[in-house]
Amino acid sequence: MLPRRLLLVLTMSLLAATGCGSGEPEGADTPQETLTRLTAFITDDEGEEACNLMSAAAQELFARGNEMSTCEQAVNLFHGKITDRDAYRQMVPTGLKTEGDEAEVSGYCGKGWTHPDGADPSEDPNSLGTLTLRKTENGWLIQDYVSSREYSSCGG
């Protein structure tokens, strides 16, 4: 019985040492999937997970750009505005532009994200602003952020 316990302890130690649960930013295989995860985490008010899709610099920009102290607080701010969670979760980054190892989606004038059924929820990811992603060894991560507060008026 002792060898099994020892094996379990060694396995758990190895998992901890290799970064399991380490909080290091970890993106998805595609920029679309990273953005889909982001909106799901915002919908579910999972700030730590949402912010884990961003570099440290992007987390700071996301917090400051939304007048919050932390990235997690900014996620909570957006979460609190969502009135139709299902519609928010289903939004697709149709305005995503990818060039090589960089991608960007902008909610400027409500053009970056759309609902597959054409629904127009009162709160959607277009209000997030502009998200710039880069392909890294940890997957596609949000590397830069511009708050929608920085936008000038549309069509004027």
N, C-alpha and C. Protein backbone atom coordinates (compact mmCIF):
# COMPACT_ATOMS: atom_id res chain seq x y z
N MET A 1 0.82 -1.20 0.00
CA MET A 1 0.00 0.00 0.00
C MET A 1 0.87 1.26 0.00
N LEU A 2 1.96 1.22 0.70
CA LEU A 2 2.84 2.38 0.75
C LEU A 2 3.36 2.78 -0.62
N PRO A 3 3.78 1.85 -1.48
CA PRO A 3 4.25 2.27 -2.80
C PRO A 3 3.17 3.00 -3.62
N ARG A 4 1.91 2.60 -3.49
CA ARG A 4 0.84 3.29 -4.23
C ARG A 4 0.68 4.73 -3.73
N ARG A 5 0.74 4.90 -2.43
CA ARG A 5 0.64 6.26 -1.88
C ARG A 5 1.81 7.11 -2.34
N LEU A 6 2.99 6.51 -2.31
CA LEU A 6 4.17 7.23 -2.76
C LEU A 6 4.03 7.61 -4.24
N LEU A 7 3.54 6.69 -5.04
CA LEU A 7 3.32 6.97 -6.46
C LEU A 7 2.31 8.11 -6.63
N LEU A 8 1.25 8.10 -5.85
CA LEU A 8 0.25 9.15 -5.92
C LEU A 8 0.85 10.51 -5.55
N VAL A 9 1.61 10.53 -4.47
CA VAL A 9 2.26 11.77 -4.03
C VAL A 9 3.22 12.28 -5.10
N LEU A 10 4.00 11.38 -5.67
CA LEU A 10 4.95 11.78 -6.71
C LEU A 10 4.23 12.30 -7.95
N THR A 11 3.13 11.66 -8.32
CA THR A 11 2.35 12.10 -9.48
C THR A 11 1.78 13.48 -9.24
N MET A 12 1.21 13.70 -8.07
CA MET A 12 0.63 15.01 -7.75
C MET A 12 1.72 16.08 -7.71
N SER A 13 2.88 15.75 -7.19
CA SER A 13 3.98 16.70 -7.14
C SER A 13 4.45 17.06 -8.55
N LEU A 14 4.51 16.06 -9.42
CA LEU A 14 4.92 16.29 -10.80
C LEU A 14 3.92 17.19 -11.51
N LEU A 15 2.63 16.96 -11.31
CA LEU A 15 1.61 17.81 -11.92
C LEU A 15 1.74 19.25 -11.44
N ALA A 16 1.98 19.42 -10.17
CA ALA A 16 2.12 20.78 -9.62
C ALA A 16 3.37 21.45 -10.18
N ALA A 17 4.44 20.70 -10.31
CA ALA A 17 5.69 21.26 -10.80
C ALA A 17 5.63 21.63 -12.28
N THR A 18 4.80 20.94 -13.06
CA THR A 18 4.74 21.22 -14.49
C THR A 18 3.74 22.29 -14.84
N GLY A 19 3.14 22.92 -13.85
CA GLY A 19 2.31 24.08 -14.14
C GLY A 19 0.83 23.84 -14.07
N CYS A 20 0.38 22.67 -13.71
CA CYS A 20 -1.05 22.42 -13.59
C CYS A 20 -1.62 23.34 -12.53
N GLY A 21 -2.48 24.24 -12.93
CA GLY A 21 -3.07 25.17 -11.97
C GLY A 21 -2.15 26.31 -11.58
N SER A 22 -1.12 26.55 -12.39
CA SER A 22 -0.13 27.56 -12.02
C SER A 22 -0.57 28.99 -12.29
N GLY A 23 -1.66 29.17 -13.03
CA GLY A 23 -2.13 30.50 -13.33
C GLY A 23 -1.42 31.15 -14.50
N GLU A 24 -0.54 30.42 -15.19
CA GLU A 24 0.12 30.94 -16.38
C GLU A 24 -0.92 31.13 -17.47
N PRO A 25 -0.80 32.20 -18.25
CA PRO A 25 -1.74 32.39 -19.36
C PRO A 25 -1.73 31.19 -20.30
N GLU A 26 -2.92 30.76 -20.68
CA GLU A 26 -3.02 29.62 -21.58
C GLU A 26 -4.18 29.85 -22.54
N GLY A 27 -3.84 30.00 -23.81
CA GLY A 27 -4.85 30.23 -24.83
C GLY A 27 -5.26 28.95 -25.52
N ALA A 28 -6.07 29.10 -26.54
CA ALA A 28 -6.57 27.97 -27.32
C ALA A 28 -5.75 27.83 -28.60
N ASP A 29 -6.11 26.84 -29.40
CA ASP A 29 -5.42 26.58 -30.66
C ASP A 29 -5.75 27.58 -31.75
N THR A 30 -6.88 28.28 -31.62
CA THR A 30 -7.28 29.27 -32.62
C THR A 30 -7.69 30.56 -31.91
N PRO A 31 -7.59 31.70 -32.59
CA PRO A 31 -8.04 32.94 -31.95
C PRO A 31 -9.55 32.91 -31.69
N GLN A 32 -10.32 32.28 -32.58
CA GLN A 32 -11.76 32.19 -32.38
C GLN A 32 -12.09 31.46 -31.08
N GLU A 33 -11.38 30.36 -30.84
CA GLU A 33 -11.65 29.58 -29.63
C GLU A 33 -11.26 30.36 -28.37
N THR A 34 -10.16 31.10 -28.41
CA THR A 34 -9.79 31.93 -27.26
C THR A 34 -10.89 32.94 -26.97
N LEU A 35 -11.42 33.57 -28.02
CA LEU A 35 -12.48 34.57 -27.83
C LEU A 35 -13.78 33.93 -27.36
N THR A 36 -14.09 32.74 -27.86
CA THR A 36 -15.28 32.01 -27.41
C THR A 36 -15.17 31.67 -25.93
N ARG A 37 -13.98 31.25 -25.52
CA ARG A 37 -13.76 30.96 -24.09
C ARG A 37 -13.91 32.24 -23.26
N LEU A 38 -13.37 33.34 -23.78
CA LEU A 38 -13.46 34.60 -23.06
C LEU A 38 -14.91 34.98 -22.78
N THR A 39 -15.76 34.93 -23.81
CA THR A 39 -17.16 35.32 -23.60
C THR A 39 -17.87 34.34 -22.67
N ALA A 40 -17.52 33.06 -22.74
CA ALA A 40 -18.12 32.09 -21.82
C ALA A 40 -17.71 32.40 -20.38
N PHE A 41 -16.44 32.72 -20.16
CA PHE A 41 -15.97 33.03 -18.81
C PHE A 41 -16.59 34.32 -18.30
N ILE A 42 -16.76 35.32 -19.16
CA ILE A 42 -17.42 36.55 -18.73
C ILE A 42 -18.87 36.26 -18.38
N THR A 43 -19.55 35.47 -19.21
CA THR A 43 -20.94 35.10 -18.94
C THR A 43 -21.09 34.43 -17.59
N ASP A 44 -20.14 33.57 -17.24
CA ASP A 44 -20.20 32.81 -15.99
C ASP A 44 -19.52 33.51 -14.82
N ASP A 45 -19.03 34.74 -15.02
CA ASP A 45 -18.33 35.51 -14.00
C ASP A 45 -17.12 34.76 -13.45
N GLU A 46 -16.37 34.16 -14.36
CA GLU A 46 -15.15 33.44 -14.00
C GLU A 46 -13.95 34.31 -14.38
N GLY A 47 -13.72 35.31 -13.55
CA GLY A 47 -12.69 36.31 -13.83
C GLY A 47 -11.29 35.75 -13.96
N GLU A 48 -10.92 34.87 -13.07
CA GLU A 48 -9.56 34.32 -13.12
C GLU A 48 -9.33 33.59 -14.43
N GLU A 49 -10.31 32.79 -14.84
CA GLU A 49 -10.18 32.03 -16.08
C GLU A 49 -10.15 32.97 -17.29
N ALA A 50 -11.02 33.99 -17.29
CA ALA A 50 -11.04 34.96 -18.39
C ALA A 50 -9.69 35.67 -18.49
N CYS A 51 -9.18 36.11 -17.37
CA CYS A 51 -7.92 36.86 -17.36
C CYS A 51 -6.74 35.96 -17.69
N ASN A 52 -6.88 34.66 -17.49
CA ASN A 52 -5.83 33.72 -17.83
C ASN A 52 -5.67 33.57 -19.34
N LEU A 53 -6.60 34.13 -20.11
CA LEU A 53 -6.49 34.14 -21.58
C LEU A 53 -5.72 35.36 -22.07
N MET A 54 -5.23 36.19 -21.13
CA MET A 54 -4.55 37.45 -21.45
C MET A 54 -3.14 37.45 -20.89
N SER A 55 -2.26 38.14 -21.60
CA SER A 55 -0.93 38.38 -21.05
C SER A 55 -1.08 39.31 -19.84
N ALA A 56 -0.03 39.41 -19.05
CA ALA A 56 -0.06 40.29 -17.88
C ALA A 56 -0.31 41.74 -18.30
N ALA A 57 0.31 42.17 -19.40
CA ALA A 57 0.10 43.54 -19.87
C ALA A 57 -1.34 43.77 -20.31
N ALA A 58 -1.93 42.79 -21.00
CA ALA A 58 -3.33 42.92 -21.44
C ALA A 58 -4.28 42.92 -20.24
N GLN A 59 -3.97 42.15 -19.22
CA GLN A 59 -4.79 42.15 -18.01
C GLN A 59 -4.82 43.54 -17.39
N GLU A 60 -3.65 44.17 -17.33
CA GLU A 60 -3.56 45.51 -16.75
C GLU A 60 -4.34 46.52 -17.60
N LEU A 61 -4.20 46.43 -18.92
CA LEU A 61 -4.93 47.33 -19.82
C LEU A 61 -6.44 47.12 -19.70
N PHE A 62 -6.86 45.86 -19.57
CA PHE A 62 -8.28 45.54 -19.45
C PHE A 62 -8.84 46.14 -18.16
N ALA A 63 -8.08 46.04 -17.08
CA ALA A 63 -8.53 46.61 -15.80
C ALA A 63 -8.59 48.14 -15.88
N ARG A 64 -7.49 48.75 -16.27
CA ARG A 64 -7.43 50.23 -16.33
C ARG A 64 -8.41 50.80 -17.34
N GLY A 65 -8.53 50.15 -18.49
CA GLY A 65 -9.42 50.65 -19.53
C GLY A 65 -10.88 50.65 -19.13
N ASN A 66 -11.20 49.84 -18.12
CA ASN A 66 -12.58 49.76 -17.63
C ASN A 66 -12.71 50.32 -16.22
N GLU A 67 -11.70 51.12 -15.83
CA GLU A 67 -11.69 51.82 -14.55
C GLU A 67 -11.85 50.90 -13.35
N MET A 68 -11.15 49.77 -13.41
CA MET A 68 -11.14 48.81 -12.32
C MET A 68 -9.70 48.61 -11.85
N SER A 69 -9.55 48.05 -10.66
CA SER A 69 -8.22 47.81 -10.11
C SER A 69 -7.59 46.53 -10.64
N THR A 70 -8.44 45.54 -10.95
CA THR A 70 -7.92 44.25 -11.43
C THR A 70 -8.70 43.78 -12.65
N CYS A 71 -8.08 42.89 -13.37
CA CYS A 71 -8.73 42.28 -14.53
C CYS A 71 -10.01 41.55 -14.10
N GLU A 72 -9.94 40.83 -13.00
CA GLU A 72 -11.10 40.08 -12.51
C GLU A 72 -12.27 41.01 -12.20
N GLN A 73 -11.98 42.19 -11.64
CA GLN A 73 -13.05 43.16 -11.37
C GLN A 73 -13.67 43.66 -12.67
N ALA A 74 -12.85 43.83 -13.71
CA ALA A 74 -13.39 44.27 -15.00
C ALA A 74 -14.28 43.18 -15.60
N VAL A 75 -13.88 41.91 -15.46
CA VAL A 75 -14.73 40.81 -15.93
C VAL A 75 -16.07 40.85 -15.20
N ASN A 76 -16.03 41.07 -13.89
CA ASN A 76 -17.25 41.14 -13.09
C ASN A 76 -18.13 42.31 -13.54
N LEU A 77 -17.51 43.42 -13.91
CA LEU A 77 -18.24 44.58 -14.41
C LEU A 77 -19.05 44.21 -15.67
N PHE A 78 -18.39 43.57 -16.62
CA PHE A 78 -19.09 43.16 -17.85
C PHE A 78 -20.14 42.10 -17.55
N HIS A 79 -19.81 41.16 -16.68
CA HIS A 79 -20.77 40.11 -16.31
C HIS A 79 -22.06 40.72 -15.75
N GLY A 80 -21.91 41.73 -14.93
CA GLY A 80 -23.07 42.36 -14.30
C GLY A 80 -23.99 43.09 -15.26
N LYS A 81 -23.49 43.42 -16.45
CA LYS A 81 -24.30 44.12 -17.45
C LYS A 81 -25.09 43.17 -18.35
N ILE A 82 -24.75 41.89 -18.34
CA ILE A 82 -25.38 40.94 -19.25
C ILE A 82 -26.81 40.64 -18.79
N THR A 83 -27.76 40.86 -19.68
CA THR A 83 -29.16 40.57 -19.36
C THR A 83 -29.62 39.25 -19.97
N ASP A 84 -29.02 38.85 -21.08
CA ASP A 84 -29.37 37.58 -21.74
C ASP A 84 -28.10 36.75 -21.88
N ARG A 85 -27.84 35.92 -20.88
CA ARG A 85 -26.60 35.15 -20.83
C ARG A 85 -26.46 34.19 -22.01
N ASP A 86 -27.55 33.56 -22.42
CA ASP A 86 -27.47 32.63 -23.55
C ASP A 86 -27.07 33.37 -24.82
N ALA A 87 -27.68 34.51 -25.08
CA ALA A 87 -27.35 35.28 -26.28
C ALA A 87 -25.90 35.75 -26.25
N TYR A 88 -25.43 36.21 -25.09
CA TYR A 88 -24.05 36.68 -24.96
C TYR A 88 -23.08 35.55 -25.26
N ARG A 89 -23.35 34.39 -24.69
CA ARG A 89 -22.47 33.23 -24.86
C ARG A 89 -22.41 32.79 -26.33
N GLN A 90 -23.48 33.00 -27.08
CA GLN A 90 -23.55 32.53 -28.47
C GLN A 90 -22.97 33.52 -29.48
N MET A 91 -22.58 34.70 -29.04
CA MET A 91 -22.02 35.69 -29.97
C MET A 91 -20.74 35.15 -30.61
N VAL A 92 -20.56 35.48 -31.88
CA VAL A 92 -19.44 34.97 -32.67
C VAL A 92 -18.58 36.15 -33.13
N PRO A 93 -17.25 36.02 -33.03
CA PRO A 93 -16.38 37.12 -33.47
C PRO A 93 -16.24 37.15 -34.99
N THR A 94 -17.32 37.52 -35.68
CA THR A 94 -17.34 37.51 -37.14
C THR A 94 -16.43 38.58 -37.74
N GLY A 95 -16.10 39.59 -36.97
CA GLY A 95 -15.21 40.65 -37.46
C GLY A 95 -13.74 40.36 -37.19
N LEU A 96 -13.42 39.14 -36.77
CA LEU A 96 -12.04 38.78 -36.47
C LEU A 96 -11.19 38.82 -37.74
N LYS A 97 -10.08 39.54 -37.66
CA LYS A 97 -9.14 39.61 -38.77
C LYS A 97 -7.84 38.96 -38.32
N THR A 98 -7.37 37.99 -39.08
CA THR A 98 -6.15 37.26 -38.73
C THR A 98 -5.11 37.45 -39.83
N GLU A 99 -3.90 37.79 -39.42
CA GLU A 99 -2.76 37.90 -40.32
C GLU A 99 -1.58 37.22 -39.67
N GLY A 100 -1.23 36.05 -40.18
CA GLY A 100 -0.12 35.31 -39.60
C GLY A 100 -0.40 34.92 -38.16
N ASP A 101 0.48 35.35 -37.27
CA ASP A 101 0.37 35.01 -35.85
C ASP A 101 -0.30 36.10 -35.03
N GLU A 102 -1.04 37.00 -35.69
CA GLU A 102 -1.74 38.06 -34.98
C GLU A 102 -3.19 38.13 -35.47
N ALA A 103 -4.09 38.41 -34.54
CA ALA A 103 -5.51 38.53 -34.88
C ALA A 103 -6.11 39.66 -34.06
N GLU A 104 -7.18 40.25 -34.58
CA GLU A 104 -7.83 41.35 -33.87
C GLU A 104 -9.33 41.33 -34.14
N VAL A 105 -10.09 41.60 -33.09
CA VAL A 105 -11.53 41.80 -33.23
C VAL A 105 -11.87 43.10 -32.50
N SER A 106 -12.66 43.92 -33.16
CA SER A 106 -13.04 45.19 -32.57
C SER A 106 -14.55 45.31 -32.53
N GLY A 107 -15.05 45.73 -31.39
CA GLY A 107 -16.48 45.96 -31.25
C GLY A 107 -16.90 47.35 -31.68
N TYR A 108 -15.96 48.10 -32.28
CA TYR A 108 -16.24 49.48 -32.68
C TYR A 108 -17.50 49.53 -33.54
N CYS A 109 -18.44 50.35 -33.16
CA CYS A 109 -19.72 50.52 -33.85
C CYS A 109 -20.53 49.22 -33.93
N GLY A 110 -20.28 48.30 -33.00
CA GLY A 110 -21.07 47.06 -32.95
C GLY A 110 -20.85 46.13 -34.11
N LYS A 111 -19.64 46.14 -34.68
CA LYS A 111 -19.39 45.37 -35.90
C LYS A 111 -18.57 44.09 -35.70
N GLY A 112 -17.93 43.91 -34.58
CA GLY A 112 -17.00 42.79 -34.43
C GLY A 112 -17.64 41.46 -34.06
N TRP A 113 -18.74 41.51 -33.35
CA TRP A 113 -19.39 40.30 -32.85
C TRP A 113 -20.84 40.29 -33.33
N THR A 114 -21.30 39.14 -33.78
CA THR A 114 -22.70 39.01 -34.19
C THR A 114 -23.28 37.73 -33.62
N HIS A 115 -24.59 37.69 -33.55
CA HIS A 115 -25.30 36.51 -33.07
C HIS A 115 -25.65 35.66 -34.28
N PRO A 116 -25.47 34.33 -34.20
CA PRO A 116 -25.74 33.48 -35.37
C PRO A 116 -27.19 33.55 -35.86
N ASP A 117 -28.13 33.87 -34.99
CA ASP A 117 -29.53 33.97 -35.38
C ASP A 117 -29.95 35.40 -35.72
N GLY A 118 -28.99 36.31 -35.73
CA GLY A 118 -29.30 37.70 -36.03
C GLY A 118 -29.85 38.48 -34.85
N ALA A 119 -29.92 37.85 -33.68
CA ALA A 119 -30.41 38.54 -32.48
C ALA A 119 -29.50 39.72 -32.16
N ASP A 120 -30.06 40.71 -31.52
CA ASP A 120 -29.31 41.91 -31.16
C ASP A 120 -29.51 42.19 -29.67
N PRO A 121 -28.81 41.41 -28.81
CA PRO A 121 -29.00 41.61 -27.37
C PRO A 121 -28.53 43.00 -26.93
N SER A 122 -29.12 43.49 -25.86
CA SER A 122 -28.78 44.84 -25.39
C SER A 122 -27.33 44.92 -24.91
N GLU A 123 -26.80 43.84 -24.43
CA GLU A 123 -25.39 43.81 -24.00
C GLU A 123 -24.72 42.64 -24.72
N ASP A 124 -23.64 42.94 -25.44
CA ASP A 124 -22.93 41.89 -26.17
C ASP A 124 -21.43 42.17 -26.12
N PRO A 125 -20.60 41.25 -26.61
CA PRO A 125 -19.15 41.44 -26.53
C PRO A 125 -18.61 42.63 -27.31
N ASN A 126 -19.42 43.25 -28.17
CA ASN A 126 -18.94 44.45 -28.86
C ASN A 126 -18.54 45.53 -27.86
N SER A 127 -19.16 45.52 -26.68
CA SER A 127 -18.85 46.53 -25.66
C SER A 127 -17.48 46.31 -25.01
N LEU A 128 -16.87 45.15 -25.27
CA LEU A 128 -15.56 44.89 -24.69
C LEU A 128 -14.50 45.84 -25.22
N GLY A 129 -14.59 46.19 -26.50
CA GLY A 129 -13.57 47.03 -27.11
C GLY A 129 -12.82 46.26 -28.18
N THR A 130 -11.53 46.57 -28.31
CA THR A 130 -10.69 45.92 -29.32
C THR A 130 -9.72 44.99 -28.62
N LEU A 131 -9.71 43.75 -29.05
CA LEU A 131 -8.85 42.71 -28.49
C LEU A 131 -7.87 42.27 -29.57
N THR A 132 -6.58 42.33 -29.26
CA THR A 132 -5.55 41.87 -30.17
C THR A 132 -4.94 40.60 -29.59
N LEU A 133 -4.90 39.56 -30.40
CA LEU A 133 -4.37 38.27 -29.97
C LEU A 133 -3.10 37.94 -30.74
N ARG A 134 -2.23 37.17 -30.12
CA ARG A 134 -1.03 36.67 -30.79
C ARG A 134 -0.88 35.19 -30.47
N LYS A 135 -0.38 34.48 -31.46
CA LYS A 135 -0.10 33.06 -31.27
C LYS A 135 1.21 32.95 -30.50
N THR A 136 1.17 32.23 -29.39
CA THR A 136 2.35 32.04 -28.54
C THR A 136 2.56 30.55 -28.33
N GLU A 137 3.59 30.20 -27.62
CA GLU A 137 3.80 28.79 -27.30
C GLU A 137 2.73 28.27 -26.35
N ASN A 138 1.98 29.18 -25.72
CA ASN A 138 0.87 28.80 -24.84
C ASN A 138 -0.48 28.93 -25.54
N GLY A 139 -0.49 29.01 -26.86
CA GLY A 139 -1.74 29.15 -27.61
C GLY A 139 -2.00 30.60 -27.95
N TRP A 140 -3.18 30.88 -28.50
CA TRP A 140 -3.56 32.24 -28.87
C TRP A 140 -3.99 32.98 -27.61
N LEU A 141 -3.26 34.06 -27.29
CA LEU A 141 -3.53 34.86 -26.10
C LEU A 141 -3.85 36.30 -26.47
N ILE A 142 -4.66 36.93 -25.66
CA ILE A 142 -4.95 38.35 -25.82
C ILE A 142 -3.73 39.11 -25.32
N GLN A 143 -3.12 39.88 -26.21
CA GLN A 143 -1.87 40.57 -25.89
C GLN A 143 -2.04 42.08 -25.75
N ASP A 144 -3.12 42.61 -26.33
CA ASP A 144 -3.33 44.06 -26.26
C ASP A 144 -4.83 44.31 -26.17
N TYR A 145 -5.17 45.45 -25.60
CA TYR A 145 -6.58 45.77 -25.37
C TYR A 145 -6.79 47.28 -25.45
N VAL A 146 -7.87 47.68 -26.13
CA VAL A 146 -8.31 49.07 -26.15
C VAL A 146 -9.77 49.07 -25.75
N SER A 147 -10.09 49.77 -24.69
CA SER A 147 -11.45 49.83 -24.17
C SER A 147 -12.38 50.53 -25.17
N SER A 148 -13.63 50.12 -25.19
CA SER A 148 -14.61 50.79 -26.04
C SER A 148 -14.82 52.24 -25.58
N ARG A 149 -14.38 52.55 -24.37
CA ARG A 149 -14.46 53.93 -23.87
C ARG A 149 -13.57 54.87 -24.69
N GLU A 150 -12.60 54.28 -25.39
CA GLU A 150 -11.67 55.06 -26.20
C GLU A 150 -12.23 55.40 -27.58
N TYR A 151 -13.33 54.78 -27.95
CA TYR A 151 -13.90 54.98 -29.29
C TYR A 151 -14.55 56.35 -29.40
N SER A 152 -14.45 56.91 -30.59
CA SER A 152 -15.24 58.11 -30.88
C SER A 152 -16.64 57.64 -31.28
N SER A 153 -17.55 58.55 -31.48
CA SER A 153 -18.91 58.15 -31.85
C SER A 153 -18.93 57.53 -33.24
N CYS A 154 -19.89 56.67 -33.48
CA CYS A 154 -20.03 55.98 -34.77
C CYS A 154 -20.86 56.81 -35.74
N GLY A 155 -20.43 56.80 -36.98
CA GLY A 155 -21.23 57.37 -38.06
C GLY A 155 -21.48 58.86 -37.99
N GLY A 156 -20.79 59.57 -37.13
CA GLY A 156 -21.09 60.98 -36.97
C GLY A 156 -20.19 61.83 -37.70
